[in-house]
Amino acid sequence: MTHSFAGNPLDRADAQRRDADWLAAAHTRAASLFLPLWQLNVLLCRGDTGDITLGWLPQPTAARLDIHVPPVFLGLRDGTPCFALDVSELGDPAHELGLGDGWRFEDCRAAAMILDIPQTGIVAQARAQVDWHRRHQFCSACGARSVAERGGHVRRCPACGGEQFPRTDPVAIMLIAHGDRCLLGQSAGRLAGSGMYSALAGFIEQGESLEEAVRREVREEAGIEVGEVRYHSSQPWPFPSSLMIGCLGEARSTNIAIDPAEMADVRWFHRDEVRRALEVRRALEVRGALEVRRAQSHPELRLPGSIAIAHHLIKAWLLETQPS
């Protein structure tokens, strides 16, 4: 299945991004499109019919902003060059862009809840790459300021010649089950005590397979031994730039021993209470409600929304464990 933040329809056009002359011409081509991001919030536009789409700006409009950060080449859409443009240096982007009432900058998570899947794929690419450039202004080898090249897909150091490339960090995320129960956790930090539980997850380490990472993370965070591990699906997660690799696994033990440095709580939840919580979450999303807690039927269980792969891992397990 295709999750939110995947399904990017753009042709990433590797040959064009390596052609400096082509890129320079594309920057000034009147037909080129630019997607502004301000403080990593993406521009959205409400059309005459009420539909909300990405707020692409034509090149003449974007050029008037006189932004000093070079745009990032995202790819081609039906032959049209598309760029992401970091406009964070603007104090009031809505004013300087001359935006009307139908335009606004929106948090990318919130945007993913109202855009169609292909557009969220573009959001993921744009946010991840803009954020990478904000974080990697200097050479990791010698400390000199680096410059963006190849349409923003590499940063080169003019002092030592070193190159840095955008990275994607692989994360194992897993729904572990034992009979009619699944294992859900609440990370230590801002969500502690909120009632929000999700699938366990953790970064895959060097020299480690996906299956090994699943078993290690569950053992470390919950003290549970895992046997069979099955791949389910993957999801780009641009916060800042991860690839969530979703798995379903079978527990070999059931006694929980959490790591308090990582987890506020880990529990086994029965299929029926998970189903109720998932139904409430889905119903509220259909109505456009974001205050899930107020209508939560289970007093201690809130589940991730449909933009998160954890939601779909839980749903897949429920479908597998329906009573006969």
C-alpha atoms as a PDB file:
ATOM      1  CA  MET A   1       0.000   0.000   0.000  1.00  0.00           C
ATOM      2  CA  THR A   2       1.020   3.632  -0.462  1.00  0.00           C
ATOM      3  CA  HIS A   3       1.131   5.620   2.777  1.00  0.00           C
ATOM      4  CA  SER A   4       1.064   9.367   3.358  1.00  0.00           C
ATOM      5  CA  PHE A   5       4.389  11.037   2.418  1.00  0.00           C
ATOM      6  CA  ALA A   6       4.932   8.427  -0.327  1.00  0.00           C
ATOM      7  CA  GLY A   7       3.547   8.278  -3.870  1.00  0.00           C
ATOM      8  CA  ASN A   8       5.565  11.259  -5.147  1.00  0.00           C
ATOM      9  CA  PRO A   9       4.509  11.725  -8.815  1.00  0.00           C
ATOM     10  CA  LEU A  10       7.494  13.878  -9.832  1.00  0.00           C
ATOM     11  CA  ASP A  11      10.195  12.578 -12.155  1.00  0.00           C
ATOM     12  CA  ARG A  12      13.321  13.250 -10.075  1.00  0.00           C
ATOM     13  CA  ALA A  13      15.250  13.785 -13.319  1.00  0.00           C
ATOM     14  CA  ASP A  14      18.762  12.796 -12.244  1.00  0.00           C
ATOM     15  CA  ALA A  15      20.289  13.715 -15.611  1.00  0.00           C
ATOM     16  CA  GLN A  16      18.915  17.262 -15.463  1.00  0.00           C
ATOM     17  CA  ARG A  17      20.011  17.853 -11.877  1.00  0.00           C
ATOM     18  CA  ARG A  18      23.586  17.067 -12.947  1.00  0.00           C
ATOM     19  CA  ASP A  19      23.442  19.634 -15.769  1.00  0.00           C
ATOM     20  CA  ALA A  20      24.340  23.040 -14.296  1.00  0.00           C
ATOM     21  CA  ASP A  21      23.383  24.925 -17.465  1.00  0.00           C
ATOM     22  CA  TRP A  22      19.984  23.237 -17.631  1.00  0.00           C
ATOM     23  CA  LEU A  23      19.312  24.037 -13.963  1.00  0.00           C
ATOM     24  CA  ALA A  24      20.313  27.666 -14.397  1.00  0.00           C
ATOM     25  CA  ALA A  25      17.900  28.001 -17.301  1.00  0.00           C
ATOM     26  CA  ALA A  26      15.143  26.223 -15.379  1.00  0.00           C
ATOM     27  CA  HIS A  27      15.513  28.696 -12.487  1.00  0.00           C
ATOM     28  CA  THR A  28      14.493  31.528 -14.812  1.00  0.00           C
ATOM     29  CA  ARG A  29      11.993  29.688 -17.026  1.00  0.00           C
ATOM     30  CA  ALA A  30       8.595  31.368 -16.762  1.00  0.00           C
ATOM     31  CA  ALA A  31       6.799  28.013 -16.692  1.00  0.00           C
ATOM     32  CA  SER A  32       8.827  26.673 -13.746  1.00  0.00           C
ATOM     33  CA  LEU A  33       7.004  26.150 -10.450  1.00  0.00           C
ATOM     34  CA  PHE A  34       8.213  26.873  -6.922  1.00  0.00           C
ATOM     35  CA  LEU A  35       6.822  25.452  -3.677  1.00  0.00           C
ATOM     36  CA  PRO A  36       7.603  27.789  -0.741  1.00  0.00           C
ATOM     37  CA  LEU A  37       8.343  26.501   2.752  1.00  0.00           C
ATOM     38  CA  TRP A  38       8.511  28.927   5.662  1.00  0.00           C
ATOM     39  CA  GLN A  39      10.044  27.585   8.876  1.00  0.00           C
ATOM     40  CA  LEU A  40       9.456  24.124   7.332  1.00  0.00           C
ATOM     41  CA  ASN A  41       5.724  24.814   6.942  1.00  0.00           C
ATOM     42  CA  VAL A  42       4.427  24.235   3.416  1.00  0.00           C
ATOM     43  CA  LEU A  43       2.297  26.662   1.427  1.00  0.00           C
ATOM     44  CA  LEU A  44      -1.250  25.496   0.689  1.00  0.00           C
ATOM     45  CA  CYS A  45      -3.934  26.999  -1.531  1.00  0.00           C
ATOM     46  CA  ARG A  46      -7.720  26.680  -1.355  1.00  0.00           C
ATOM     47  CA  GLY A  47      -9.222  26.755  -4.841  1.00  0.00           C
ATOM     48  CA  ASP A  48     -12.554  28.135  -6.007  1.00  0.00           C
ATOM     49  CA  THR A  49     -14.186  24.736  -5.467  1.00  0.00           C
ATOM     50  CA  GLY A  50     -12.857  24.494  -1.910  1.00  0.00           C
ATOM     51  CA  ASP A  51     -10.223  21.886  -2.679  1.00  0.00           C
ATOM     52  CA  ILE A  52      -6.889  22.391  -0.897  1.00  0.00           C
ATOM     53  CA  THR A  53      -3.712  21.803  -2.891  1.00  0.00           C
ATOM     54  CA  LEU A  54      -0.034  22.631  -2.678  1.00  0.00           C
ATOM     55  CA  GLY A  55       0.642  26.334  -3.162  1.00  0.00           C
ATOM     56  CA  TRP A  56       2.881  26.293  -6.220  1.00  0.00           C
ATOM     57  CA  LEU A  57       4.090  29.724  -7.343  1.00  0.00           C
ATOM     58  CA  PRO A  58       5.013  30.564 -10.951  1.00  0.00           C
ATOM     59  CA  GLN A  59       8.615  31.593 -11.529  1.00  0.00           C
ATOM     60  CA  PRO A  60       7.886  35.332 -12.005  1.00  0.00           C
ATOM     61  CA  THR A  61       6.145  35.482  -8.608  1.00  0.00           C
ATOM     62  CA  ALA A  62       8.889  33.521  -6.841  1.00  0.00           C
ATOM     63  CA  ALA A  63      11.617  35.657  -8.452  1.00  0.00           C
ATOM     64  CA  ARG A  64      10.173  38.855  -6.936  1.00  0.00           C
ATOM     65  CA  LEU A  65      10.946  37.547  -3.459  1.00  0.00           C
ATOM     66  CA  ASP A  66      14.714  37.866  -3.981  1.00  0.00           C
ATOM     67  CA  ILE A  67      15.433  34.879  -1.717  1.00  0.00           C
ATOM     68  CA  HIS A  68      19.146  34.322  -1.057  1.00  0.00           C
ATOM     69  CA  VAL A  69      18.858  30.572  -0.434  1.00  0.00           C
ATOM     70  CA  PRO A  70      19.085  28.608  -3.711  1.00  0.00           C
ATOM     71  CA  PRO A  71      16.001  26.547  -4.564  1.00  0.00           C
ATOM     72  CA  VAL A  72      16.056  22.759  -4.407  1.00  0.00           C
ATOM     73  CA  PHE A  73      15.206  20.973  -7.640  1.00  0.00           C
ATOM     74  CA  LEU A  74      12.471  18.429  -6.874  1.00  0.00           C
ATOM     75  CA  GLY A  75      11.932  17.084 -10.374  1.00  0.00           C
ATOM     76  CA  LEU A  76       9.715  17.371 -13.422  1.00  0.00           C
ATOM     77  CA  ARG A  77       5.935  17.350 -13.598  1.00  0.00           C
ATOM     78  CA  ASP A  78       4.870  16.710 -17.198  1.00  0.00           C
ATOM     79  CA  GLY A  79       8.133  18.325 -18.274  1.00  0.00           C
ATOM     80  CA  THR A  80       7.755  21.372 -16.010  1.00  0.00           C
ATOM     81  CA  PRO A  81      10.664  21.980 -13.585  1.00  0.00           C
ATOM     82  CA  CYS A  82       9.512  22.019  -9.955  1.00  0.00           C
ATOM     83  CA  PHE A  83      11.529  23.480  -7.082  1.00  0.00           C
ATOM     84  CA  ALA A  84      11.229  23.831  -3.304  1.00  0.00           C
ATOM     85  CA  LEU A  85      12.068  27.311  -2.018  1.00  0.00           C
ATOM     86  CA  ASP A  86      12.981  28.048   1.603  1.00  0.00           C
ATOM     87  CA  VAL A  87      11.438  31.471   2.332  1.00  0.00           C
ATOM     88  CA  SER A  88      12.207  31.412   6.058  1.00  0.00           C
ATOM     89  CA  GLU A  89      14.264  34.609   5.765  1.00  0.00           C
ATOM     90  CA  LEU A  90      11.025  36.514   5.146  1.00  0.00           C
ATOM     91  CA  GLY A  91       9.522  38.055   8.239  1.00  0.00           C
ATOM     92  CA  ASP A  92       5.964  38.010   6.938  1.00  0.00           C
ATOM     93  CA  PRO A  93       5.797  35.654   3.961  1.00  0.00           C
ATOM     94  CA  ALA A  94       2.061  36.077   3.430  1.00  0.00           C
ATOM     95  CA  HIS A  95       2.508  39.840   3.065  1.00  0.00           C
ATOM     96  CA  GLU A  96       5.605  39.701   0.867  1.00  0.00           C
ATOM     97  CA  LEU A  97       4.050  37.040  -1.339  1.00  0.00           C
ATOM     98  CA  GLY A  98       0.852  39.052  -1.593  1.00  0.00           C
ATOM     99  CA  LEU A  99      -1.214  35.989  -0.642  1.00  0.00           C
ATOM    100  CA  GLY A 100      -4.978  36.131  -0.508  1.00  0.00           C
ATOM    101  CA  ASP A 101      -7.328  34.556   2.003  1.00  0.00           C
ATOM    102  CA  GLY A 102      -7.137  31.145   0.328  1.00  0.00           C
ATOM    103  CA  TRP A 103      -3.405  30.760   0.914  1.00  0.00           C
ATOM    104  CA  ARG A 104      -1.636  29.745   4.115  1.00  0.00           C
ATOM    105  CA  PHE A 105       1.505  28.070   5.436  1.00  0.00           C
ATOM    106  CA  GLU A 106       0.664  24.823   7.207  1.00  0.00           C
ATOM    107  CA  ASP A 107       2.561  22.342   9.371  1.00  0.00           C
ATOM    108  CA  CYS A 108       3.486  19.408   7.141  1.00  0.00           C
ATOM    109  CA  ARG A 109       1.822  16.818   9.384  1.00  0.00           C
ATOM    110  CA  ALA A 110      -1.425  18.780   9.320  1.00  0.00           C
ATOM    111  CA  ALA A 111      -1.084  19.289   5.565  1.00  0.00           C
ATOM    112  CA  ALA A 112      -0.784  15.525   5.055  1.00  0.00           C
ATOM    113  CA  MET A 113      -4.213  15.074   6.648  1.00  0.00           C
ATOM    114  CA  ILE A 114      -5.940  17.146   3.968  1.00  0.00           C
ATOM    115  CA  LEU A 115      -3.850  16.608   0.820  1.00  0.00           C
ATOM    116  CA  ASP A 116      -4.085  13.578  -1.442  1.00  0.00           C
ATOM    117  CA  ILE A 117      -1.335  10.950  -1.225  1.00  0.00           C
ATOM    118  CA  PRO A 118       0.747  12.058  -4.272  1.00  0.00           C
ATOM    119  CA  GLN A 119       0.923  15.628  -2.960  1.00  0.00           C
ATOM    120  CA  THR A 120       2.075  14.411   0.455  1.00  0.00           C
ATOM    121  CA  GLY A 121       4.916  12.627  -1.343  1.00  0.00           C
ATOM    122  CA  ILE A 122       6.054  15.966  -2.732  1.00  0.00           C
ATOM    123  CA  VAL A 123       5.766  17.500   0.754  1.00  0.00           C
ATOM    124  CA  ALA A 124       8.022  14.765   2.150  1.00  0.00           C
ATOM    125  CA  GLN A 125      10.715  15.362  -0.427  1.00  0.00           C
ATOM    126  CA  ALA A 126      10.569  19.143  -0.161  1.00  0.00           C
ATOM    127  CA  ARG A 127      10.560  19.293   3.640  1.00  0.00           C
ATOM    128  CA  ALA A 128      13.320  16.731   4.073  1.00  0.00           C
ATOM    129  CA  GLN A 129      15.644  18.386   1.577  1.00  0.00           C
ATOM    130  CA  VAL A 130      15.034  21.946   2.750  1.00  0.00           C
ATOM    131  CA  ASP A 131      15.595  20.846   6.345  1.00  0.00           C
ATOM    132  CA  TRP A 132      18.803  19.013   5.382  1.00  0.00           C
ATOM    133  CA  HIS A 133      20.263  22.185   3.864  1.00  0.00           C
ATOM    134  CA  ARG A 134      19.323  24.172   6.965  1.00  0.00           C
ATOM    135  CA  ARG A 135      21.179  21.651   9.147  1.00  0.00           C
ATOM    136  CA  HIS A 136      24.266  21.089   6.982  1.00  0.00           C
ATOM    137  CA  GLN A 137      25.717  24.482   6.123  1.00  0.00           C
ATOM    138  CA  PHE A 138      29.287  23.469   6.941  1.00  0.00           C
ATOM    139  CA  CYS A 139      31.680  20.759   5.776  1.00  0.00           C
ATOM    140  CA  SER A 140      31.807  17.783   8.143  1.00  0.00           C
ATOM    141  CA  ALA A 141      35.508  17.256   7.341  1.00  0.00           C
ATOM    142  CA  CYS A 142      37.083  20.712   7.659  1.00  0.00           C
ATOM    143  CA  GLY A 143      34.313  22.985   8.960  1.00  0.00           C
ATOM    144  CA  ALA A 144      34.297  25.407   6.003  1.00  0.00           C
ATOM    145  CA  ARG A 145      30.977  26.657   4.668  1.00  0.00           C
ATOM    146  CA  SER A 146      29.744  24.379   1.893  1.00  0.00           C
ATOM    147  CA  VAL A 147      27.698  25.238  -1.195  1.00  0.00           C
ATOM    148  CA  ALA A 148      24.698  23.502  -2.742  1.00  0.00           C
ATOM    149  CA  GLU A 149      25.163  21.858  -6.133  1.00  0.00           C
ATOM    150  CA  ARG A 150      23.228  19.526  -8.467  1.00  0.00           C
ATOM    151  CA  GLY A 151      19.998  21.303  -7.732  1.00  0.00           C
ATOM    152  CA  GLY A 152      20.476  20.933  -3.996  1.00  0.00           C
ATOM    153  CA  HIS A 153      21.178  17.188  -4.016  1.00  0.00           C
ATOM    154  CA  VAL A 154      24.733  17.567  -2.807  1.00  0.00           C
ATOM    155  CA  ARG A 155      26.750  20.106  -0.818  1.00  0.00           C
ATOM    156  CA  ARG A 156      30.363  20.589  -1.842  1.00  0.00           C
ATOM    157  CA  CYS A 157      33.110  22.138   0.265  1.00  0.00           C
ATOM    158  CA  PRO A 158      35.134  24.714  -1.718  1.00  0.00           C
ATOM    159  CA  ALA A 159      38.004  24.432   0.790  1.00  0.00           C
ATOM    160  CA  CYS A 160      38.704  20.698   0.814  1.00  0.00           C
ATOM    161  CA  GLY A 161      36.515  19.457  -2.034  1.00  0.00           C
ATOM    162  CA  GLY A 162      34.515  17.124   0.204  1.00  0.00           C
ATOM    163  CA  GLU A 163      30.930  16.291  -0.679  1.00  0.00           C
ATOM    164  CA  GLN A 164      27.935  15.673   1.561  1.00  0.00           C
ATOM    165  CA  PHE A 165      24.739  14.011   0.392  1.00  0.00           C
ATOM    166  CA  PRO A 166      21.269  14.062   1.962  1.00  0.00           C
ATOM    167  CA  ARG A 167      20.800  11.034   4.189  1.00  0.00           C
ATOM    168  CA  THR A 168      17.783   8.952   5.036  1.00  0.00           C
ATOM    169  CA  ASP A 169      17.823   7.074   8.339  1.00  0.00           C
ATOM    170  CA  PRO A 170      16.148   3.637   8.359  1.00  0.00           C
ATOM    171  CA  VAL A 171      13.774   3.022  11.273  1.00  0.00           C
ATOM    172  CA  ALA A 172      12.186  -0.317  12.172  1.00  0.00           C
ATOM    173  CA  ILE A 173       8.609   0.068  13.387  1.00  0.00           C
ATOM    174  CA  MET A 174       6.796  -3.073  14.480  1.00  0.00           C
ATOM    175  CA  LEU A 175       3.445  -4.281  15.719  1.00  0.00           C
ATOM    176  CA  ILE A 176       4.165  -7.283  17.941  1.00  0.00           C
ATOM    177  CA  ALA A 177       1.320  -9.660  18.757  1.00  0.00           C
ATOM    178  CA  HIS A 178       0.613 -12.607  21.005  1.00  0.00           C
ATOM    179  CA  GLY A 179      -2.716 -14.260  20.338  1.00  0.00           C
ATOM    180  CA  ASP A 180      -5.524 -11.719  20.730  1.00  0.00           C
ATOM    181  CA  ARG A 181      -3.248  -9.032  22.158  1.00  0.00           C
ATOM    182  CA  CYS A 182      -0.783  -6.598  20.615  1.00  0.00           C
ATOM    183  CA  LEU A 183       2.070  -4.677  22.201  1.00  0.00           C
ATOM    184  CA  LEU A 184       1.813  -0.882  22.196  1.00  0.00           C
ATOM    185  CA  GLY A 185       4.052   1.657  23.864  1.00  0.00           C
ATOM    186  CA  GLN A 186       4.223   5.276  24.924  1.00  0.00           C
ATOM    187  CA  SER A 187       7.574   6.966  24.537  1.00  0.00           C
ATOM    188  CA  ALA A 188       9.084   8.942  27.378  1.00  0.00           C
ATOM    189  CA  GLY A 189       8.788  12.676  26.764  1.00  0.00           C
ATOM    190  CA  ARG A 190       6.004  15.015  25.729  1.00  0.00           C
ATOM    191  CA  LEU A 191       3.419  12.267  25.113  1.00  0.00           C
ATOM    192  CA  ALA A 192       3.937  10.563  28.479  1.00  0.00           C
ATOM    193  CA  GLY A 193       0.607  10.290  30.271  1.00  0.00           C
ATOM    194  CA  SER A 194      -1.354  11.452  27.210  1.00  0.00           C
ATOM    195  CA  GLY A 195      -3.017   8.110  26.534  1.00  0.00           C
ATOM    196  CA  MET A 196      -1.383   7.952  23.084  1.00  0.00           C
ATOM    197  CA  TYR A 197       0.088   4.521  22.373  1.00  0.00           C
ATOM    198  CA  SER A 198       1.772   3.375  19.190  1.00  0.00           C
ATOM    199  CA  ALA A 199       3.829   0.583  17.686  1.00  0.00           C
ATOM    200  CA  LEU A 200       7.363   0.297  19.053  1.00  0.00           C
ATOM    201  CA  ALA A 201      10.104   1.686  16.831  1.00  0.00           C
ATOM    202  CA  GLY A 202      13.827   2.398  16.697  1.00  0.00           C
ATOM    203  CA  PHE A 203      16.696   3.200  14.373  1.00  0.00           C
ATOM    204  CA  ILE A 204      18.406   0.325  12.600  1.00  0.00           C
ATOM    205  CA  GLU A 205      22.056   0.190  13.634  1.00  0.00           C
ATOM    206  CA  GLN A 206      25.145  -0.430  11.508  1.00  0.00           C
ATOM    207  CA  GLY A 207      25.694  -4.054  10.571  1.00  0.00           C
ATOM    208  CA  GLU A 208      22.149  -5.014  11.564  1.00  0.00           C
ATOM    209  CA  SER A 209      19.395  -6.617   9.496  1.00  0.00           C
ATOM    210  CA  LEU A 210      15.799  -5.421   9.667  1.00  0.00           C
ATOM    211  CA  GLU A 211      14.722  -8.553  11.534  1.00  0.00           C
ATOM    212  CA  GLU A 212      17.565  -8.183  14.023  1.00  0.00           C
ATOM    213  CA  ALA A 213      16.640  -4.551  14.624  1.00  0.00           C
ATOM    214  CA  VAL A 214      13.020  -5.472  15.324  1.00  0.00           C
ATOM    215  CA  ARG A 215      13.992  -8.113  17.861  1.00  0.00           C
ATOM    216  CA  ARG A 216      16.611  -5.911  19.548  1.00  0.00           C
ATOM    217  CA  GLU A 217      14.365  -2.854  19.867  1.00  0.00           C
ATOM    218  CA  VAL A 218      11.453  -4.815  21.327  1.00  0.00           C
ATOM    219  CA  ARG A 219      13.762  -6.588  23.765  1.00  0.00           C
ATOM    220  CA  GLU A 220      15.394  -3.299  24.830  1.00  0.00           C
ATOM    221  CA  GLU A 221      12.210  -1.246  25.157  1.00  0.00           C
ATOM    222  CA  ALA A 222       9.808  -3.876  26.481  1.00  0.00           C
ATOM    223  CA  GLY A 223      11.814  -6.930  27.539  1.00  0.00           C
ATOM    224  CA  ILE A 224       9.807  -9.078  25.096  1.00  0.00           C
ATOM    225  CA  GLU A 225      11.429 -11.778  22.964  1.00  0.00           C
ATOM    226  CA  VAL A 226      10.263 -11.817  19.326  1.00  0.00           C
ATOM    227  CA  GLY A 227      10.220 -14.777  16.965  1.00  0.00           C
ATOM    228  CA  GLU A 228       8.859 -14.510  13.432  1.00  0.00           C
ATOM    229  CA  VAL A 229       9.146 -11.087  11.775  1.00  0.00           C
ATOM    230  CA  ARG A 230       7.278 -10.203   8.568  1.00  0.00           C
ATOM    231  CA  TYR A 231       7.689  -7.089   6.426  1.00  0.00           C
ATOM    232  CA  HIS A 232       4.483  -5.131   5.876  1.00  0.00           C
ATOM    233  CA  SER A 233       5.238  -1.813   4.119  1.00  0.00           C
ATOM    234  CA  SER A 234       7.389   1.306   4.336  1.00  0.00           C
ATOM    235  CA  GLN A 235       6.831   5.033   4.668  1.00  0.00           C
ATOM    236  CA  PRO A 236       9.019   8.106   4.184  1.00  0.00           C
ATOM    237  CA  TRP A 237       8.829  10.231   7.344  1.00  0.00           C
ATOM    238  CA  PRO A 238      10.305  13.704   6.776  1.00  0.00           C
ATOM    239  CA  PHE A 239      10.737  14.698  10.446  1.00  0.00           C
ATOM    240  CA  PRO A 240      13.547  15.211   9.672  1.00  0.00           C
ATOM    241  CA  SER A 241      14.299  12.386   7.192  1.00  0.00           C
ATOM    242  CA  SER A 242      13.608   8.748   8.015  1.00  0.00           C
ATOM    243  CA  LEU A 243      12.327   5.692   6.214  1.00  0.00           C
ATOM    244  CA  MET A 244       9.897   3.823   8.448  1.00  0.00           C
ATOM    245  CA  ILE A 245      10.088   0.106   7.662  1.00  0.00           C
ATOM    246  CA  GLY A 246       6.942  -1.504   9.016  1.00  0.00           C
ATOM    247  CA  CYS A 247       6.868  -5.095  10.278  1.00  0.00           C
ATOM    248  CA  LEU A 248       4.518  -7.485  12.023  1.00  0.00           C
ATOM    249  CA  GLY A 249       6.040  -9.849  14.583  1.00  0.00           C
ATOM    250  CA  GLU A 250       5.124 -12.708  16.910  1.00  0.00           C
ATOM    251  CA  ALA A 251       6.072 -12.537  20.573  1.00  0.00           C
ATOM    252  CA  ARG A 252       7.769 -15.485  22.259  1.00  0.00           C
ATOM    253  CA  SER A 253       7.315 -14.079  25.764  1.00  0.00           C
ATOM    254  CA  THR A 254       4.756 -11.848  27.463  1.00  0.00           C
ATOM    255  CA  ASN A 255       6.282 -10.436  30.657  1.00  0.00           C
ATOM    256  CA  ILE A 256       6.994  -6.741  30.098  1.00  0.00           C
ATOM    257  CA  ALA A 257      10.112  -5.061  31.498  1.00  0.00           C
ATOM    258  CA  ILE A 258      10.329  -1.533  30.090  1.00  0.00           C
ATOM    259  CA  ASP A 259      13.370   0.673  29.684  1.00  0.00           C
ATOM    260  CA  PRO A 260      12.309   3.829  31.601  1.00  0.00           C
ATOM    261  CA  ALA A 261      14.863   5.946  29.755  1.00  0.00           C
ATOM    262  CA  GLU A 262      13.070   5.246  26.457  1.00  0.00           C
ATOM    263  CA  MET A 263       9.496   4.377  27.361  1.00  0.00           C
ATOM    264  CA  ALA A 264       6.905   5.850  29.699  1.00  0.00           C
ATOM    265  CA  ASP A 265       4.727   2.753  29.387  1.00  0.00           C
ATOM    266  CA  VAL A 266       4.332  -0.453  27.382  1.00  0.00           C
ATOM    267  CA  ARG A 267       1.220  -2.629  27.588  1.00  0.00           C
ATOM    268  CA  TRP A 268      -0.583  -5.540  25.992  1.00  0.00           C
ATOM    269  CA  PHE A 269      -3.952  -4.434  24.599  1.00  0.00           C
ATOM    270  CA  HIS A 270      -6.702  -6.843  23.604  1.00  0.00           C
ATOM    271  CA  ARG A 271      -7.969  -6.881  20.042  1.00  0.00           C
ATOM    272  CA  ASP A 272     -11.423  -5.622  21.026  1.00  0.00           C
ATOM    273  CA  GLU A 273     -10.209  -2.494  22.842  1.00  0.00           C
ATOM    274  CA  VAL A 274      -7.751  -1.738  20.044  1.00  0.00           C
ATOM    275  CA  ARG A 275     -10.548  -2.050  17.496  1.00  0.00           C
ATOM    276  CA  ARG A 276     -12.756   0.348  19.466  1.00  0.00           C
ATOM    277  CA  ALA A 277      -9.974   2.915  19.747  1.00  0.00           C
ATOM    278  CA  LEU A 278      -9.165   2.627  16.038  1.00  0.00           C
ATOM    279  CA  GLU A 279     -12.802   3.053  15.040  1.00  0.00           C
ATOM    280  CA  VAL A 280     -13.075   6.209  17.131  1.00  0.00           C
ATOM    281  CA  ARG A 281      -9.917   7.626  15.600  1.00  0.00           C
ATOM    282  CA  ARG A 282     -11.082   6.940  12.052  1.00  0.00           C
ATOM    283  CA  ALA A 283     -14.553   8.356  12.701  1.00  0.00           C
ATOM    284  CA  LEU A 284     -13.121  11.571  14.077  1.00  0.00           C
ATOM    285  CA  GLU A 285     -10.785  11.968  11.094  1.00  0.00           C
ATOM    286  CA  VAL A 286     -13.743  11.600   8.734  1.00  0.00           C
ATOM    287  CA  ARG A 287     -15.475  14.434  10.583  1.00  0.00           C
ATOM    288  CA  GLY A 288     -12.299  16.484  10.517  1.00  0.00           C
ATOM    289  CA  ALA A 289     -11.969  16.493  14.310  1.00  0.00           C
ATOM    290  CA  LEU A 290      -8.473  16.705  15.764  1.00  0.00           C
ATOM    291  CA  GLU A 291      -9.351  16.575  19.471  1.00  0.00           C
ATOM    292  CA  VAL A 292      -9.402  12.793  19.591  1.00  0.00           C
ATOM    293  CA  ARG A 293      -9.110  12.594  23.372  1.00  0.00           C
ATOM    294  CA  ARG A 294     -12.443  14.265  24.045  1.00  0.00           C
ATOM    295  CA  ALA A 295     -14.406  11.544  22.262  1.00  0.00           C
ATOM    296  CA  GLN A 296     -12.134   8.599  23.032  1.00  0.00           C
ATOM    297  CA  SER A 297     -14.207   5.598  24.110  1.00  0.00           C
ATOM    298  CA  HIS A 298     -11.252   3.874  25.773  1.00  0.00           C
ATOM    299  CA  PRO A 299     -10.079   5.973  28.760  1.00  0.00           C
ATOM    300  CA  GLU A 300      -6.409   5.013  28.411  1.00  0.00           C
ATOM    301  CA  LEU A 301      -5.869   4.262  24.722  1.00  0.00           C
ATOM    302  CA  ARG A 302      -5.475   6.745  21.899  1.00  0.00           C
ATOM    303  CA  LEU A 303      -4.005   5.570  18.597  1.00  0.00           C
ATOM    304  CA  PRO A 304      -1.996   7.316  15.855  1.00  0.00           C
ATOM    305  CA  GLY A 305      -3.855   8.850  12.932  1.00  0.00           C
ATOM    306  CA  SER A 306      -3.991   7.480   9.418  1.00  0.00           C
ATOM    307  CA  ILE A 307      -1.011   9.515   8.196  1.00  0.00           C
ATOM    308  CA  ALA A 308       1.258   7.283  10.360  1.00  0.00           C
ATOM    309  CA  ILE A 309       2.344   3.802   9.311  1.00  0.00           C
ATOM    310  CA  ALA A 310       1.677   2.626  12.888  1.00  0.00           C
ATOM    311  CA  HIS A 311      -2.043   3.142  12.257  1.00  0.00           C
ATOM    312  CA  HIS A 312      -1.910   0.778   9.286  1.00  0.00           C
ATOM    313  CA  LEU A 313       0.179  -1.846  11.075  1.00  0.00           C
ATOM    314  CA  ILE A 314      -2.459  -1.930  13.814  1.00  0.00           C
ATOM    315  CA  LYS A 315      -5.224  -2.126  11.219  1.00  0.00           C
ATOM    316  CA  ALA A 316      -3.456  -4.970   9.383  1.00  0.00           C
ATOM    317  CA  TRP A 317      -3.139  -6.951  12.621  1.00  0.00           C
ATOM    318  CA  LEU A 318      -6.821  -6.444  13.422  1.00  0.00           C
ATOM    319  CA  LEU A 319      -7.818  -7.748   9.996  1.00  0.00           C
ATOM    320  CA  GLU A 320      -5.607 -10.790  10.483  1.00  0.00           C
ATOM    321  CA  THR A 321      -7.090 -11.556  13.920  1.00  0.00           C
ATOM    322  CA  GLN A 322     -10.799 -11.169  13.207  1.00  0.00           C
ATOM    323  CA  PRO A 323     -12.817 -13.769  15.098  1.00  0.00           C
ATOM    324  CA  SER A 324     -14.148 -16.552  12.884  1.00  0.00           C
END
